């Protein structure tokens, strides 16, 4: 029995120290004649352990497919770079589009701001122009017929060249002409500043009487004196048409009776003489009479101009 045990131990030691035996070598080796139950079991255990060790040692040689993994990693990295490039290009495009949109929106906003500023400036300019017109619009200074300025004399000389022939049918043309030749004033302002109530018809009648009595070729002074006598007489008359009442009074003016006021030439200087007399008196307010050729014996002599002798009431 002891011999058998020693032999089993020797076999096990030899197996452990011996190199691993492959399956082909095992088949080539002859089977031992000794067959002991317990050592056989130990051999099987030892063989299984050796086979496991052999399999573990041979695995590095039998696993050559593992180095294929780096190629897959390279493909994935290339794909990642391509995707990143695409993302960069798309981001660049989006940034360019956004920048274009922002520039367009900025340009539109700036144009709108400029238009609003220009509108505001234009409205402010208009307002300032209106205010300046209101401020710069000076009040009309009445003319002193005794002391005419050079500017006013030059204006009168220009208006002397403008005229219209009077007849019974051209009243509208006369009214338009008379409003156009007024110097430094409009008809509305004249109506406000007049010492007596006037209408366009009464003003036209007054201008025709002045032109017929003083003569269209006479001086401004002669015309203005006739105009002042008419205004001074109109003050004594009431009603809505004091000028017409003073002119058409019985025995007042011979040119009205004989109808010569409808056959005269009316110039711009005559119209302005009537205008100046209506706004302000340059001569005494009791200047009420005049005649051709001599002074009245029952009145105070005042001045002789242009063939007419003007008198003051006593």
Protein backbone atom coordinates (compact mmCIF):
# COMPACT_ATOMS: atom_id res chain seq x y z
CA UNK A 1 0.00 0.00 0.00
CA UNK A 2 2.76 2.40 0.87
CA UNK A 3 4.42 1.77 -2.46
CA UNK A 4 1.24 2.68 -4.26
CA UNK A 5 0.89 5.95 -2.35
CA UNK A 6 4.49 6.90 -3.03
CA UNK A 7 4.00 6.18 -6.71
CA UNK A 8 0.89 8.40 -6.84
CA UNK A 9 2.71 11.26 -5.14
CA UNK A 10 5.62 10.89 -7.52
CA UNK A 11 3.29 10.99 -10.48
CA UNK A 12 1.52 14.10 -9.23
CA UNK A 13 4.82 15.86 -8.59
CA UNK A 14 6.03 14.91 -12.00
CA UNK A 15 2.89 16.20 -13.60
CA UNK A 16 3.10 19.48 -11.84
CA UNK A 17 6.75 19.98 -12.75
CA UNK A 18 6.39 18.69 -16.31
CA UNK A 19 5.46 21.09 -19.21
CA UNK A 20 1.82 21.23 -20.34
CA UNK A 21 0.79 18.38 -22.54
CA UNK A 22 -1.46 19.07 -25.48
CA UNK A 23 -4.29 16.86 -26.53
CA UNK A 24 -2.23 15.26 -29.33
CA UNK A 25 0.60 14.41 -26.96
CA UNK A 26 -1.81 12.89 -24.54
CA UNK A 27 -3.23 10.69 -27.27
CA UNK A 28 0.31 9.61 -28.29
CA UNK A 29 1.34 8.68 -24.72
CA UNK A 30 0.62 5.07 -23.71
CA UNK A 31 -1.73 4.49 -20.89
CA UNK A 32 -0.12 3.35 -17.70
CA UNK A 33 -0.80 -0.15 -16.52
CA UNK A 34 -1.26 0.93 -12.97
CA UNK A 35 -4.86 1.74 -12.24
CA UNK A 36 -5.51 3.00 -8.80
CA UNK A 37 -8.83 4.55 -7.98
CA UNK A 38 -7.68 7.47 -5.85
CA UNK A 39 -4.66 8.49 -7.98
CA UNK A 40 -6.84 8.40 -11.09
CA UNK A 41 -9.12 10.91 -9.54
CA UNK A 42 -6.17 13.09 -8.65
CA UNK A 43 -4.90 12.82 -12.19
CA UNK A 44 -8.18 13.95 -13.62
CA UNK A 45 -8.21 16.90 -11.27
CA UNK A 46 -4.62 17.64 -12.19
CA UNK A 47 -5.39 17.32 -15.88
CA UNK A 48 -8.32 19.65 -15.64
CA UNK A 49 -6.17 22.17 -13.82
CA UNK A 50 -3.45 21.82 -16.42
CA UNK A 51 -5.96 22.17 -19.26
CA UNK A 52 -7.34 25.32 -17.67
CA UNK A 53 -3.81 26.70 -17.35
CA UNK A 54 -3.05 25.74 -20.91
CA UNK A 55 -6.19 27.38 -22.15
CA UNK A 56 -5.35 30.48 -20.17
CA UNK A 57 -1.86 30.54 -21.60
CA UNK A 58 -3.00 29.92 -25.14
CA UNK A 59 -5.71 32.62 -25.16
CA UNK A 60 -3.36 35.42 -26.19
CA UNK A 61 -2.38 33.45 -29.27
CA UNK A 62 -5.90 32.36 -30.13
CA UNK A 63 -7.35 36.00 -29.87
CA UNK A 64 -5.81 37.80 -32.83
CA UNK A 65 -9.01 39.75 -33.75
CA UNK A 66 -8.79 42.18 -30.86
CA UNK A 67 -6.46 44.70 -32.61
CA UNK A 68 -9.31 45.46 -35.13
CA UNK A 69 -10.89 47.88 -32.64
CA UNK A 70 -8.57 50.86 -33.46
CA UNK A 71 -9.88 51.02 -37.05
CA UNK A 72 -13.45 51.45 -35.80
CA UNK A 73 -12.30 54.19 -33.46
CA UNK A 74 -10.60 56.02 -36.38
CA UNK A 75 -13.79 55.90 -38.47
CA UNK A 76 -15.82 57.24 -35.59
CA UNK A 77 -13.30 60.05 -35.03
CA UNK A 78 -13.46 60.98 -38.75
CA UNK A 79 -17.22 61.04 -38.60
CA UNK A 80 -17.09 63.25 -35.51
CA UNK A 81 -14.75 65.71 -37.27
CA UNK A 82 -17.06 65.79 -40.31
CA UNK A 83 -20.06 66.49 -38.09
CA UNK A 84 -18.16 69.23 -36.24
CA UNK A 85 -17.17 70.82 -39.57
CA UNK A 86 -20.78 70.74 -40.73
CA UNK A 87 -21.93 72.26 -37.45
CA UNK A 88 -19.31 75.00 -37.80
CA UNK A 89 -20.41 75.79 -41.37
CA UNK A 90 -24.08 75.90 -40.33
CA UNK A 91 -23.24 78.15 -37.37
CA UNK A 92 -21.26 80.44 -39.69
CA UNK A 93 -24.21 80.63 -42.10
CA UNK A 94 -26.65 81.32 -39.30
CA UNK A 95 -24.37 84.01 -37.87
CA UNK A 96 -24.02 85.62 -41.31
CA UNK A 97 -27.79 85.56 -41.84
CA UNK A 98 -28.41 86.92 -38.38
CA UNK A 99 -25.82 89.65 -38.96
CA UNK A 100 -27.45 90.55 -42.29
CA UNK A 101 -30.87 90.65 -40.66
CA UNK A 102 -29.54 92.80 -37.84
CA UNK A 103 -27.87 95.19 -40.30
CA UNK A 104 -31.08 95.41 -42.33
CA UNK A 105 -33.14 96.02 -39.21
CA UNK A 106 -30.62 98.64 -38.07
CA UNK A 107 -30.74 100.33 -41.46
CA UNK A 108 -34.54 100.32 -41.41
CA UNK A 109 -34.60 101.68 -37.87
CA UNK A 110 -32.08 104.38 -38.76
CA UNK A 111 -34.06 105.33 -41.89
CA UNK A 112 -37.24 105.49 -39.82
CA UNK A 113 -35.49 107.60 -37.22
CA UNK A 114 -34.14 109.89 -39.94
CA UNK A 115 -37.58 110.22 -41.54
CA UNK A 116 -39.18 110.97 -38.19
CA UNK A 117 -36.42 113.45 -37.39
CA UNK A 118 -36.81 115.11 -40.80
CA UNK A 119 -40.58 115.29 -40.31
CA UNK A 120 -40.13 116.72 -36.85
CA UNK A 121 -37.61 119.24 -38.20
CA UNK A 122 -39.93 120.24 -41.06
CA UNK A 123 -42.87 120.66 -38.67
CA UNK A 124 -40.71 122.62 -36.24
CA UNK A 125 -39.45 124.79 -39.11
CA UNK A 126 -43.01 125.43 -40.25
CA UNK A 127 -44.04 126.32 -36.71
CA UNK A 128 -41.04 128.59 -36.27
CA UNK A 129 -41.73 130.16 -39.68
CA UNK A 130 -45.32 130.82 -38.69
CA UNK A 131 -44.21 132.25 -35.35
CA UNK A 132 -41.56 134.36 -37.04
CA UNK A 133 -44.14 135.62 -39.53
CA UNK A 134 -46.44 136.52 -36.67
CA UNK A 135 -43.58 138.15 -34.81
CA UNK A 136 -42.07 139.88 -37.83
CA UNK A 137 -45.43 141.10 -39.09
CA UNK A 138 -45.20 144.72 -38.03
CA UNK A 139 -48.13 146.95 -37.46
CA UNK A 140 -48.99 149.26 -40.30
CA UNK A 141 -47.64 152.72 -39.73
CA UNK A 142 -49.98 155.39 -41.10
CA UNK A 143 -48.52 157.68 -43.71
CA UNK A 144 -48.02 161.37 -43.06
CA UNK A 145 -48.88 163.05 -46.38
CA UNK A 146 -46.86 166.13 -45.43
CA UNK A 147 -43.64 164.15 -44.88
CA UNK A 148 -43.41 161.23 -47.27
CA UNK A 149 -40.36 158.95 -47.13
CA UNK A 150 -38.25 158.16 -50.18
CA UNK A 151 -39.35 154.52 -50.15
CA UNK A 152 -43.00 155.43 -50.12
CA UNK A 153 -42.51 157.98 -52.88
CA UNK A 154 -40.83 155.35 -55.06
CA UNK A 155 -43.71 152.96 -54.41
CA UNK A 156 -46.23 155.66 -55.34
CA UNK A 157 -44.38 156.38 -58.57
CA UNK A 158 -44.67 152.68 -59.51
CA UNK A 159 -48.39 152.68 -58.71
CA UNK A 160 -48.86 155.82 -60.79
CA UNK A 161 -48.04 153.76 -63.88
CA UNK A 162 -50.78 151.21 -63.05
CA UNK A 163 -54.28 152.30 -64.01
CA UNK A 164 -57.72 151.18 -65.18
CA UNK A 165 -60.33 152.99 -67.25
CA UNK A 166 -63.66 153.37 -65.48
CA UNK A 167 -67.02 152.55 -66.99
CA UNK A 168 -70.38 151.49 -65.60
CA UNK A 169 -69.84 147.77 -66.32
CA UNK A 170 -66.36 147.05 -64.97
CA UNK A 171 -66.99 147.32 -61.22
CA UNK A 172 -65.54 143.84 -60.43
CA UNK A 173 -62.37 144.58 -62.38
CA UNK A 174 -62.01 147.92 -60.56
CA UNK A 175 -62.49 146.32 -57.14
CA UNK A 176 -59.83 143.74 -57.93
CA UNK A 177 -57.46 146.41 -59.21
CA UNK A 178 -57.97 148.61 -56.15
CA UNK A 179 -57.20 145.75 -53.75
CA UNK A 180 -54.06 144.82 -55.72
CA UNK A 181 -52.47 148.30 -55.82
CA UNK A 182 -52.73 149.00 -52.09
CA UNK A 183 -49.26 149.63 -50.63
CA UNK A 184 -48.11 147.75 -47.49
CA UNK A 185 -51.65 146.79 -46.51
CA UNK A 186 -54.60 144.61 -47.55
CA UNK A 187 -58.23 145.64 -47.94
CA UNK A 188 -59.21 143.74 -44.78
CA UNK A 189 -56.63 145.63 -42.74
CA UNK A 190 -57.75 148.88 -44.34
CA UNK A 191 -61.32 148.12 -43.32
CA UNK A 192 -60.19 147.57 -39.71
CA UNK A 193 -57.99 150.69 -39.55
CA UNK A 194 -60.36 153.04 -41.35
CA UNK A 195 -61.70 156.02 -39.39
CA UNK A 196 -65.18 155.51 -40.87
CA UNK A 197 -67.12 152.46 -42.02
CA UNK A 198 -66.32 151.43 -45.56
CA UNK A 199 -67.36 148.85 -48.12
CA UNK A 200 -65.74 147.96 -51.42
CA UNK A 201 -68.44 149.90 -53.30
CA UNK A 202 -67.99 153.00 -51.13
CA UNK A 203 -64.20 152.82 -51.47
CA UNK A 204 -64.49 152.53 -55.26
CA UNK A 205 -66.86 155.55 -55.34
CA UNK A 206 -64.42 157.59 -53.24
CA UNK A 207 -61.48 156.75 -55.56
CA UNK A 208 -63.46 157.78 -58.64
CA UNK A 209 -64.47 161.11 -57.07
CA UNK A 210 -60.84 161.85 -56.16
CA UNK A 211 -59.71 161.06 -59.70
CA UNK A 212 -62.45 163.25 -61.23
CA UNK A 213 -62.02 166.23 -58.85
CA UNK A 214 -58.21 166.36 -58.52
CA UNK A 215 -57.36 164.94 -61.94
CA UNK A 216 -55.56 161.69 -62.55
CA UNK A 217 -52.39 163.53 -63.62
CA UNK A 218 -52.26 165.72 -60.51
CA UNK A 219 -49.87 165.20 -57.61
CA UNK A 220 -50.32 162.85 -54.70
CA UNK A 221 -50.75 165.82 -52.35
CA UNK A 222 -53.71 167.21 -54.33
CA UNK A 223 -55.39 163.81 -54.38
CA UNK A 224 -54.79 163.27 -50.67
CA UNK A 225 -56.33 166.65 -49.77
CA UNK A 226 -59.52 165.82 -51.73
CA UNK A 227 -59.61 162.42 -49.98
CA UNK A 228 -59.34 164.03 -46.53
CA UNK A 229 -62.20 166.47 -47.24
CA UNK A 230 -64.41 163.47 -48.13
CA UNK A 231 -63.39 161.58 -44.94
CA UNK A 232 -63.96 164.66 -42.74
CA UNK A 233 -67.46 165.15 -44.23
CA UNK A 234 -68.24 161.42 -43.78
CA UNK A 235 -67.61 161.75 -40.03
CA UNK A 236 -70.65 163.99 -39.72
CA UNK A 237 -72.85 161.33 -41.38
CA UNK A 238 -74.02 158.23 -39.57
CA UNK A 239 -75.35 154.95 -40.85
CA UNK A 240 -73.66 151.99 -42.48
CA UNK A 241 -72.48 153.95 -45.58
CA UNK A 242 -71.13 157.30 -44.35
CA UNK A 243 -68.80 157.74 -47.38
CA UNK A 244 -71.61 157.25 -49.87
CA UNK A 245 -73.85 159.60 -47.90
CA UNK A 246 -71.16 162.32 -47.84
CA UNK A 247 -70.41 161.97 -51.59
CA UNK A 248 -74.00 161.77 -52.84
CA UNK A 249 -75.27 164.59 -50.58
CA UNK A 250 -77.13 167.39 -52.38
CA UNK A 251 -74.71 169.99 -53.87
CA UNK A 252 -71.63 168.20 -52.47
CA UNK A 253 -69.71 167.20 -55.63
CA UNK A 254 -70.49 168.34 -59.15
CA UNK A 255 -68.67 165.34 -60.71
CA UNK A 256 -71.32 163.05 -59.27
CA UNK A 257 -74.16 165.09 -60.81
CA UNK A 258 -72.65 165.30 -64.29
CA UNK A 259 -71.53 161.65 -64.30
CA UNK A 260 -67.84 162.31 -64.98
CA UNK A 261 -66.90 159.81 -62.23
CA UNK A 262 -67.88 157.05 -64.72
CA UNK A 263 -65.48 158.30 -67.43
CA UNK A 264 -62.13 158.69 -65.69
CA UNK A 265 -58.81 156.88 -65.59
CA UNK A 266 -58.10 155.44 -62.13
CA UNK A 267 -54.42 154.95 -61.18
CA UNK A 268 -52.80 153.22 -58.21
CA UNK A 269 -51.58 156.51 -56.71
CA UNK A 270 -55.18 157.74 -56.38
CA UNK A 271 -56.21 154.51 -54.60
CA UNK A 272 -53.37 154.89 -52.09
CA UNK A 273 -54.22 158.55 -51.47
CA UNK A 274 -57.74 157.44 -50.50
CA UNK A 275 -56.28 154.69 -48.31
CA UNK A 276 -53.93 157.08 -46.45
CA UNK A 277 -56.73 159.59 -45.80
CA UNK A 278 -59.03 156.91 -44.41
CA UNK A 279 -56.40 155.64 -41.94
CA UNK A 280 -54.98 158.93 -40.64
CA UNK A 281 -55.48 162.66 -41.00
CA UNK A 282 -52.36 164.51 -42.14
CA UNK A 283 -54.28 167.81 -42.29
CA UNK A 284 -56.76 169.51 -39.93
CA UNK A 285 -60.00 167.65 -39.32
CA UNK A 286 -62.05 170.76 -40.10
CA UNK A 287 -60.86 170.66 -43.72
CA UNK A 288 -64.32 170.41 -45.30
CA UNK A 289 -64.41 172.54 -48.48
CA UNK A 290 -62.55 173.14 -51.72
CA UNK A 291 -63.32 174.84 -54.98
CA UNK A 292 -61.72 175.44 -58.36
CA UNK A 293 -60.26 178.89 -58.99
CA UNK A 294 -60.76 180.68 -55.61
CA UNK A 295 -61.29 180.38 -51.87
CA UNK A 296 -64.73 180.62 -50.34
CA UNK A 297 -65.37 183.95 -48.69
CA UNK A 298 -67.24 182.38 -45.79
CA UNK A 299 -64.43 179.88 -44.95
CA UNK A 300 -60.84 180.08 -43.83
CA UNK A 301 -58.29 179.55 -46.62
CA UNK A 302 -55.94 176.68 -46.04
CA UNK A 303 -54.02 175.64 -49.16
CA UNK A 304 -54.13 175.77 -52.96
CA UNK A 305 -52.84 172.67 -54.77
CA UNK A 306 -53.40 171.50 -58.34
CA UNK A 307 -55.95 174.17 -59.24
CA UNK A 308 -58.11 173.50 -56.15
CA UNK A 309 -58.42 175.87 -53.18
CA UNK A 310 -59.00 174.15 -49.89
CA UNK A 311 -60.74 175.82 -46.96
CA UNK A 312 -61.30 175.16 -43.28
CA UNK A 313 -64.58 175.62 -41.48
CA UNK A 314 -64.77 178.65 -39.16
